[in-house]
Amino acid sequence: MAKYKIKTHSGAKRRFYVTGRGKILRRKHHINNARRKKRGATLRLFPRKLSVPKGQAKRIRKLMPYHT
């Protein structure tokens, strides 16, 4: 008997990235608000991805079962 497939959470797949080693990364929040008023040094930090804490990563993996 075939097993059921679990659906991937559509919001989670847009917000999180899984690296080759299985680490989950997220984008910084508050990027689009008042971007023109920020310093250049601050703006250059925005494209970086940050790693998600271990406790939250466990929850996110349940939302994205086939991305790990």
PDB file of N, CA and C in Angstrom:
ATOM      1  N   MET A   1       0.841  -1.180   0.000  1.00  0.00           N
ATOM      2  CA  MET A   1       0.000   0.000   0.000  1.00  0.00           C
ATOM      3  C   MET A   1       0.893   1.253   0.000  1.00  0.00           C
ATOM      4  N   ALA A   2       0.575   2.217  -0.845  1.00  0.00           N
ATOM      5  CA  ALA A   2       1.379   3.430  -0.972  1.00  0.00           C
ATOM      6  C   ALA A   2       1.130   4.357   0.214  1.00  0.00           C
ATOM      7  N   LYS A   3       2.184   5.050   0.616  1.00  0.00           N
ATOM      8  CA  LYS A   3       2.044   6.016   1.707  1.00  0.00           C
ATOM      9  C   LYS A   3       1.534   7.336   1.150  1.00  0.00           C
ATOM     10  N   TYR A   4       0.956   8.123   2.035  1.00  0.00           N
ATOM     11  CA  TYR A   4       0.472   9.434   1.631  1.00  0.00           C
ATOM     12  C   TYR A   4       1.622  10.419   1.561  1.00  0.00           C
ATOM     13  N   LYS A   5       1.532  11.336   0.632  1.00  0.00           N
ATOM     14  CA  LYS A   5       2.530  12.396   0.533  1.00  0.00           C
ATOM     15  C   LYS A   5       2.088  13.556   1.411  1.00  0.00           C
ATOM     16  N   ILE A   6       3.052  14.192   2.074  1.00  0.00           N
ATOM     17  CA  ILE A   6       2.769  15.340   2.923  1.00  0.00           C
ATOM     18  C   ILE A   6       2.959  16.602   2.088  1.00  0.00           C
ATOM     19  N   LYS A   7       2.037  17.530   2.211  1.00  0.00           N
ATOM     20  CA  LYS A   7       2.166  18.777   1.454  1.00  0.00           C
ATOM     21  C   LYS A   7       3.159  19.709   2.139  1.00  0.00           C
ATOM     22  N   THR A   8       3.935  20.404   1.328  1.00  0.00           N
ATOM     23  CA  THR A   8       4.871  21.403   1.819  1.00  0.00           C
ATOM     24  C   THR A   8       4.104  22.684   2.100  1.00  0.00           C
ATOM     25  N   HIS A   9       4.413  23.327   3.220  1.00  0.00           N
ATOM     26  CA  HIS A   9       3.771  24.581   3.589  1.00  0.00           C
ATOM     27  C   HIS A   9       4.230  25.669   2.617  1.00  0.00           C
ATOM     28  N   SER A  10       3.297  26.276   1.908  1.00  0.00           N
ATOM     29  CA  SER A  10       3.658  27.211   0.838  1.00  0.00           C
ATOM     30  C   SER A  10       4.321  28.478   1.371  1.00  0.00           C
ATOM     31  N   GLY A  11       3.965  28.912   2.574  1.00  0.00           N
ATOM     32  CA  GLY A  11       4.607  30.090   3.158  1.00  0.00           C
ATOM     33  C   GLY A  11       6.033  29.803   3.575  1.00  0.00           C
ATOM     34  N   ALA A  12       6.260  28.600   4.082  1.00  0.00           N
ATOM     35  CA  ALA A  12       7.602  28.234   4.549  1.00  0.00           C
ATOM     36  C   ALA A  12       8.567  28.061   3.382  1.00  0.00           C
ATOM     37  N   LYS A  13       8.088  27.520   2.272  1.00  0.00           N
ATOM     38  CA  LYS A  13       9.007  27.305   1.151  1.00  0.00           C
ATOM     39  C   LYS A  13       9.435  28.617   0.514  1.00  0.00           C
ATOM     40  N   ARG A  14       8.659  29.685   0.701  1.00  0.00           N
ATOM     41  CA  ARG A  14       9.062  30.996   0.186  1.00  0.00           C
ATOM     42  C   ARG A  14      10.024  31.704   1.133  1.00  0.00           C
ATOM     43  N   ARG A  15       9.911  31.442   2.421  1.00  0.00           N
ATOM     44  CA  ARG A  15      10.655  32.211   3.411  1.00  0.00           C
ATOM     45  C   ARG A  15      11.976  31.583   3.840  1.00  0.00           C
ATOM     46  N   PHE A  16      12.117  30.279   3.670  1.00  0.00           N
ATOM     47  CA  PHE A  16      13.302  29.610   4.188  1.00  0.00           C
ATOM     48  C   PHE A  16      14.056  28.895   3.080  1.00  0.00           C
ATOM     49  N   TYR A  17      15.365  28.760   3.273  1.00  0.00           N
ATOM     50  CA  TYR A  17      16.244  28.100   2.323  1.00  0.00           C
ATOM     51  C   TYR A  17      16.970  26.986   3.066  1.00  0.00           C
ATOM     52  N   VAL A  18      17.181  25.860   2.416  1.00  0.00           N
ATOM     53  CA  VAL A  18      17.926  24.767   3.018  1.00  0.00           C
ATOM     54  C   VAL A  18      19.262  24.640   2.276  1.00  0.00           C
ATOM     55  N   THR A  19      20.359  24.669   3.032  1.00  0.00           N
ATOM     56  CA  THR A  19      21.678  24.566   2.427  1.00  0.00           C
ATOM     57  C   THR A  19      21.982  23.110   2.087  1.00  0.00           C
ATOM     58  N   GLY A  20      23.115  22.884   1.473  1.00  0.00           N
ATOM     59  CA  GLY A  20      23.510  21.533   1.120  1.00  0.00           C
ATOM     60  C   GLY A  20      23.748  20.650   2.328  1.00  0.00           C
ATOM     61  N   ARG A  21      24.159  21.252   3.422  1.00  0.00           N
ATOM     62  CA  ARG A  21      24.404  20.495   4.651  1.00  0.00           C
ATOM     63  C   ARG A  21      23.158  20.370   5.514  1.00  0.00           C
ATOM     64  N   GLY A  22      22.055  20.944   5.062  1.00  0.00           N
ATOM     65  CA  GLY A  22      20.800  20.806   5.797  1.00  0.00           C
ATOM     66  C   GLY A  22      20.499  21.938   6.761  1.00  0.00           C
ATOM     67  N   LYS A  23      21.319  22.986   6.765  1.00  0.00           N
ATOM     68  CA  LYS A  23      21.062  24.127   7.636  1.00  0.00           C
ATOM     69  C   LYS A  23      19.949  24.970   7.034  1.00  0.00           C
ATOM     70  N   ILE A  24      19.079  25.520   7.865  1.00  0.00           N
ATOM     71  CA  ILE A  24      17.963  26.328   7.382  1.00  0.00           C
ATOM     72  C   ILE A  24      18.323  27.801   7.558  1.00  0.00           C
ATOM     73  N   LEU A  25      18.186  28.553   6.475  1.00  0.00           N
ATOM     74  CA  LEU A  25      18.498  29.973   6.484  1.00  0.00           C
ATOM     75  C   LEU A  25      17.226  30.783   6.268  1.00  0.00           C
ATOM     76  N   ARG A  26      17.248  32.006   6.779  1.00  0.00           N
ATOM     77  CA  ARG A  26      16.110  32.907   6.598  1.00  0.00           C
ATOM     78  C   ARG A  26      16.621  34.261   6.142  1.00  0.00           C
ATOM     79  N   ARG A  27      15.716  35.046   5.562  1.00  0.00           N
ATOM     80  CA  ARG A  27      16.047  36.398   5.144  1.00  0.00           C
ATOM     81  C   ARG A  27      15.822  37.345   6.315  1.00  0.00           C
ATOM     82  N   LYS A  28      16.496  38.461   6.334  1.00  0.00           N
ATOM     83  CA  LYS A  28      16.267  39.447   7.390  1.00  0.00           C
ATOM     84  C   LYS A  28      14.901  40.103   7.210  1.00  0.00           C
ATOM     85  N   HIS A  29      14.270  40.455   8.317  1.00  0.00           N
ATOM     86  CA  HIS A  29      12.983  41.132   8.244  1.00  0.00           C
ATOM     87  C   HIS A  29      13.204  42.652   8.180  1.00  0.00           C
ATOM     88  N   HIS A  30      12.143  43.399   7.933  1.00  0.00           N
ATOM     89  CA  HIS A  30      12.161  44.870   7.971  1.00  0.00           C
ATOM     90  C   HIS A  30      13.000  45.463   6.845  1.00  0.00           C
ATOM     91  N   ILE A  31      13.129  44.740   5.732  1.00  0.00           N
ATOM     92  CA  ILE A  31      13.992  45.217   4.648  1.00  0.00           C
ATOM     93  C   ILE A  31      13.331  46.330   3.844  1.00  0.00           C
ATOM     94  N   ASN A  32      12.091  46.145   3.489  1.00  0.00           N
ATOM     95  CA  ASN A  32      11.461  47.069   2.544  1.00  0.00           C
ATOM     96  C   ASN A  32      10.987  48.370   3.173  1.00  0.00           C
ATOM     97  N   ASN A  33      11.001  48.461   4.480  1.00  0.00           N
ATOM     98  CA  ASN A  33      10.475  49.644   5.142  1.00  0.00           C
ATOM     99  C   ASN A  33      11.578  50.704   5.283  1.00  0.00           C
ATOM    100  N   ALA A  34      11.367  51.853   4.685  1.00  0.00           N
ATOM    101  CA  ALA A  34      12.262  53.020   4.805  1.00  0.00           C
ATOM    102  C   ALA A  34      13.692  52.688   4.397  1.00  0.00           C
ATOM    103  N   ARG A  35      13.839  52.003   3.293  1.00  0.00           N
ATOM    104  CA  ARG A  35      15.168  51.598   2.835  1.00  0.00           C
ATOM    105  C   ARG A  35      15.991  52.811   2.401  1.00  0.00           C
ATOM    106  N   ARG A  36      15.361  53.836   1.900  1.00  0.00           N
ATOM    107  CA  ARG A  36      16.117  54.990   1.390  1.00  0.00           C
ATOM    108  C   ARG A  36      16.733  55.819   2.521  1.00  0.00           C
ATOM    109  N   LYS A  37      16.258  55.644   3.749  1.00  0.00           N
ATOM    110  CA  LYS A  37      16.786  56.433   4.856  1.00  0.00           C
ATOM    111  C   LYS A  37      17.939  55.738   5.578  1.00  0.00           C
ATOM    112  N   LYS A  38      18.252  54.532   5.178  1.00  0.00           N
ATOM    113  CA  LYS A  38      19.277  53.765   5.881  1.00  0.00           C
ATOM    114  C   LYS A  38      20.680  54.129   5.375  1.00  0.00           C
ATOM    115  N   ARG A  39      21.672  53.911   6.229  1.00  0.00           N
ATOM    116  CA  ARG A  39      23.068  54.108   5.850  1.00  0.00           C
ATOM    117  C   ARG A  39      23.466  53.049   4.840  1.00  0.00           C
ATOM    118  N   GLY A  40      24.516  53.357   4.079  1.00  0.00           N
ATOM    119  CA  GLY A  40      25.003  52.395   3.096  1.00  0.00           C
ATOM    120  C   GLY A  40      25.495  51.118   3.737  1.00  0.00           C
ATOM    121  N   ALA A  41      26.163  51.241   4.892  1.00  0.00           N
ATOM    122  CA  ALA A  41      26.678  50.067   5.589  1.00  0.00           C
ATOM    123  C   ALA A  41      25.525  49.171   6.047  1.00  0.00           C
ATOM    124  N   THR A  42      24.445  49.775   6.461  1.00  0.00           N
ATOM    125  CA  THR A  42      23.285  49.004   6.904  1.00  0.00           C
ATOM    126  C   THR A  42      22.619  48.309   5.725  1.00  0.00           C
ATOM    127  N   LEU A  43      22.533  48.998   4.604  1.00  0.00           N
ATOM    128  CA  LEU A  43      21.907  48.417   3.419  1.00  0.00           C
ATOM    129  C   LEU A  43      22.687  47.219   2.885  1.00  0.00           C
ATOM    130  N   ARG A  44      23.999  47.248   3.025  1.00  0.00           N
ATOM    131  CA  ARG A  44      24.805  46.139   2.531  1.00  0.00           C
ATOM    132  C   ARG A  44      24.637  44.877   3.359  1.00  0.00           C
ATOM    133  N   LEU A  45      24.109  44.995   4.555  1.00  0.00           N
ATOM    134  CA  LEU A  45      23.879  43.819   5.403  1.00  0.00           C
ATOM    135  C   LEU A  45      22.591  43.086   5.032  1.00  0.00           C
ATOM    136  N   PHE A  46      21.695  43.734   4.316  1.00  0.00           N
ATOM    137  CA  PHE A  46      20.379  43.149   4.046  1.00  0.00           C
ATOM    138  C   PHE A  46      20.395  41.870   3.207  1.00  0.00           C
ATOM    139  N   PRO A  47      21.215  41.752   2.170  1.00  0.00           N
ATOM    140  CA  PRO A  47      21.116  40.539   1.356  1.00  0.00           C
ATOM    141  C   PRO A  47      21.566  39.264   2.066  1.00  0.00           C
ATOM    142  N   ARG A  48      22.252  39.382   3.195  1.00  0.00           N
ATOM    143  CA  ARG A  48      22.751  38.203   3.892  1.00  0.00           C
ATOM    144  C   ARG A  48      21.617  37.338   4.433  1.00  0.00           C
ATOM    145  N   LYS A  49      21.860  36.059   4.432  1.00  0.00           N
ATOM    146  CA  LYS A  49      20.909  35.117   5.016  1.00  0.00           C
ATOM    147  C   LYS A  49      21.403  34.741   6.410  1.00  0.00           C
ATOM    148  N   LEU A  50      20.498  34.615   7.355  1.00  0.00           N
ATOM    149  CA  LEU A  50      20.842  34.249   8.723  1.00  0.00           C
ATOM    150  C   LEU A  50      20.369  32.832   9.006  1.00  0.00           C
ATOM    151  N   SER A  51      21.100  32.132   9.844  1.00  0.00           N
ATOM    152  CA  SER A  51      20.673  30.782  10.184  1.00  0.00           C
ATOM    153  C   SER A  51      19.571  30.830  11.232  1.00  0.00           C
ATOM    154  N   VAL A  52      18.707  29.847  11.197  1.00  0.00           N
ATOM    155  CA  VAL A  52      17.575  29.757  12.101  1.00  0.00           C
ATOM    156  C   VAL A  52      18.023  28.987  13.346  1.00  0.00           C
ATOM    157  N   PRO A  53      17.598  29.397  14.564  1.00  0.00           N
ATOM    158  CA  PRO A  53      17.941  28.645  15.770  1.00  0.00           C
ATOM    159  C   PRO A  53      17.440  27.198  15.719  1.00  0.00           C
ATOM    160  N   LYS A  54      18.100  26.310  16.462  1.00  0.00           N
ATOM    161  CA  LYS A  54      17.802  24.876  16.391  1.00  0.00           C
ATOM    162  C   LYS A  54      16.357  24.550  16.752  1.00  0.00           C
ATOM    163  N   GLY A  55      15.817  25.238  17.749  1.00  0.00           N
ATOM    164  CA  GLY A  55      14.436  24.958  18.158  1.00  0.00           C
ATOM    165  C   GLY A  55      13.435  25.289  17.069  1.00  0.00           C
ATOM    166  N   GLN A  56      13.651  26.405  16.388  1.00  0.00           N
ATOM    167  CA  GLN A  56      12.758  26.786  15.297  1.00  0.00           C
ATOM    168  C   GLN A  56      12.996  25.940  14.060  1.00  0.00           C
ATOM    169  N   ALA A  57      14.236  25.519  13.853  1.00  0.00           N
ATOM    170  CA  ALA A  57      14.561  24.710  12.679  1.00  0.00           C
ATOM    171  C   ALA A  57      13.804  23.382  12.708  1.00  0.00           C
ATOM    172  N   LYS A  58      13.622  22.840  13.900  1.00  0.00           N
ATOM    173  CA  LYS A  58      12.896  21.577  14.040  1.00  0.00           C
ATOM    174  C   LYS A  58      11.447  21.742  13.580  1.00  0.00           C
ATOM    175  N   ARG A  59      10.844  22.870  13.917  1.00  0.00           N
ATOM    176  CA  ARG A  59       9.454  23.142  13.504  1.00  0.00           C
ATOM    177  C   ARG A  59       9.362  23.387  12.005  1.00  0.00           C
ATOM    178  N   ILE A  60      10.356  24.073  11.449  1.00  0.00           N
ATOM    179  CA  ILE A  60      10.333  24.401  10.022  1.00  0.00           C
ATOM    180  C   ILE A  60      10.511  23.149   9.173  1.00  0.00           C
ATOM    181  N   ARG A  61      11.321  22.204   9.665  1.00  0.00           N
ATOM    182  CA  ARG A  61      11.519  20.947   8.926  1.00  0.00           C
ATOM    183  C   ARG A  61      10.225  20.161   8.770  1.00  0.00           C
ATOM    184  N   LYS A  62       9.330  20.284   9.743  1.00  0.00           N
ATOM    185  CA  LYS A  62       8.030  19.608   9.634  1.00  0.00           C
ATOM    186  C   LYS A  62       7.166  20.254   8.554  1.00  0.00           C
ATOM    187  N   LEU A  63       7.350  21.556   8.351  1.00  0.00           N
ATOM    188  CA  LEU A  63       6.584  22.261   7.324  1.00  0.00           C
ATOM    189  C   LEU A  63       7.126  21.982   5.924  1.00  0.00           C
ATOM    190  N   MET A  64       8.423  21.652   5.826  1.00  0.00           N
ATOM    191  CA  MET A  64       9.035  21.380   4.529  1.00  0.00           C
ATOM    192  C   MET A  64       9.644  19.984   4.550  1.00  0.00           C
ATOM    193  N   PRO A  65       8.843  18.929   4.455  1.00  0.00           N
ATOM    194  CA  PRO A  65       9.357  17.576   4.649  1.00  0.00           C
ATOM    195  C   PRO A  65      10.293  17.090   3.553  1.00  0.00           C
ATOM    196  N   TYR A  66      10.173  17.575   2.335  1.00  0.00           N
ATOM    197  CA  TYR A  66      10.981  17.051   1.232  1.00  0.00           C
ATOM    198  C   TYR A  66      12.160  17.949   0.883  1.00  0.00           C
ATOM    199  N   HIS A  67      12.390  18.986   1.662  1.00  0.00           N
ATOM    200  CA  HIS A  67      13.481  19.922   1.393  1.00  0.00           C
ATOM    201  C   HIS A  67      14.698  19.645   2.261  1.00  0.00           C
ATOM    202  N   THR A  68      14.680  18.589   3.069  1.00  0.00           N
ATOM    203  CA  THR A  68      15.792  18.337   3.987  1.00  0.00           C
ATOM    204  C   THR A  68      16.667  17.227   3.495  1.00  0.00           C
TER     205      THR A  68
END
